[in-house]
Amino acid sequence: MVTSTLVLPKFVEQPIPTTNLESRVRADLNGRVKNFRLQRFNRGLILRGRTRCFYDKQIALHVVMMHTSLPIFANEIRVDEVNFCTRRT
């Protein structure tokens, strides 16, 4: 009896440049997130950077959602200090 095994190559998603989207989001964030970057894959986005409070991390998430309909896989923006953000004017 002969059995054959079909071996499929592993699917590895490669990052896709997001320069236009990233620059629009960065402008809207107005300095809230340091070293902000978006890593885009075929099917979604990962947010990266540093901020000083969770509120700014959430604002970054909502700004990205405003600019694109791609799903967000992860919000990996790191909160350096856990404190209360003051309202910026």
Protein backbone atom coordinates (compact mmCIF):
# COMPACT_ATOMS: atom_id res chain seq x y z
CA MET A 1 0.00 0.00 0.00
CA VAL A 2 1.37 3.41 -0.99
CA THR A 3 0.57 6.47 1.07
CA SER A 4 1.50 9.94 0.02
CA THR A 5 1.93 12.86 2.32
CA LEU A 6 1.26 16.35 1.14
CA VAL A 7 3.73 18.77 2.70
CA LEU A 8 2.64 22.38 2.58
CA PRO A 9 5.17 25.17 3.06
CA LYS A 10 4.83 27.17 6.25
CA PHE A 11 3.12 30.48 5.71
CA VAL A 12 5.23 33.30 7.07
CA GLU A 13 3.80 36.77 6.85
CA GLN A 14 6.32 39.42 5.92
CA PRO A 15 5.91 42.99 7.20
CA ILE A 16 4.52 45.42 4.64
CA PRO A 17 5.62 49.10 4.73
CA THR A 18 3.14 51.48 6.38
CA THR A 19 4.84 54.83 5.89
CA ASN A 20 1.75 56.84 4.83
CA LEU A 21 -0.54 55.39 7.48
CA GLU A 22 2.13 55.64 10.16
CA SER A 23 2.87 59.30 9.40
CA ARG A 24 -0.85 60.24 9.50
CA VAL A 25 -1.31 58.47 12.83
CA ARG A 26 1.88 59.99 14.25
CA ALA A 27 0.64 63.48 13.31
CA ASP A 28 -2.70 62.86 15.06
CA LEU A 29 -1.01 61.50 18.18
CA ASN A 30 0.84 64.80 18.58
CA GLY A 31 3.78 63.30 20.47
CA ARG A 32 1.77 61.17 22.89
CA VAL A 33 3.64 58.00 21.88
CA LYS A 34 7.43 57.99 21.55
CA ASN A 35 9.08 55.83 18.88
CA PHE A 36 5.64 55.03 17.43
CA ARG A 37 5.67 52.43 14.68
CA LEU A 38 3.15 50.25 12.93
CA GLN A 39 4.05 46.82 11.72
CA ARG A 40 1.65 45.71 9.03
CA PHE A 41 1.11 42.16 7.90
CA ASN A 42 -1.20 40.91 5.15
CA ARG A 43 -4.12 40.71 7.50
CA GLY A 44 -3.56 43.27 10.23
CA LEU A 45 -1.45 45.65 12.30
CA ILE A 46 0.73 45.63 15.40
CA LEU A 47 1.25 48.92 17.26
CA ARG A 48 4.61 49.57 18.92
CA GLY A 49 6.16 52.42 20.88
CA ARG A 50 6.40 53.92 24.37
CA THR A 51 4.14 56.20 26.33
CA ARG A 52 3.77 57.41 29.90
CA CYS A 53 0.20 56.30 30.66
CA PHE A 54 -2.48 53.84 29.61
CA TYR A 55 -4.75 56.63 28.40
CA ASP A 56 -2.26 57.59 25.68
CA LYS A 57 -1.92 53.92 24.72
CA GLN A 58 -5.69 53.75 24.28
CA ILE A 59 -5.77 57.01 22.30
CA ALA A 60 -3.16 55.56 19.92
CA LEU A 61 -5.32 52.49 19.39
CA HIS A 62 -8.38 54.57 18.55
CA VAL A 63 -6.45 56.89 16.22
CA VAL A 64 -5.21 53.87 14.25
CA MET A 65 -8.75 52.46 14.08
CA MET A 66 -9.93 55.84 12.73
CA HIS A 67 -7.47 55.68 9.82
CA THR A 68 -7.80 52.05 8.73
CA SER A 69 -10.20 49.13 8.71
CA LEU A 70 -7.41 46.56 9.08
CA PRO A 71 -7.70 44.47 12.25
CA ILE A 72 -5.24 45.19 15.03
CA PHE A 73 -3.44 42.05 16.14
CA ALA A 74 -1.71 43.60 19.14
CA ASN A 75 -1.14 46.88 20.90
CA GLU A 76 2.45 46.48 22.09
CA ILE A 77 2.87 50.10 23.11
CA ARG A 78 4.80 49.99 26.38
CA VAL A 79 3.71 52.15 29.31
CA ASP A 80 6.91 53.39 30.99
CA GLU A 81 5.37 55.01 34.05
CA VAL A 82 2.00 54.19 35.47
CA ASN A 83 0.54 57.57 36.34
CA PHE A 84 -2.40 59.78 35.63
CA CYS A 85 -2.11 61.71 32.40
CA THR A 86 -2.96 65.35 32.56
CA ARG A 87 -5.14 66.81 29.89
CA ARG A 88 -3.14 68.47 27.16
CA THR A 89 -4.33 71.76 25.78
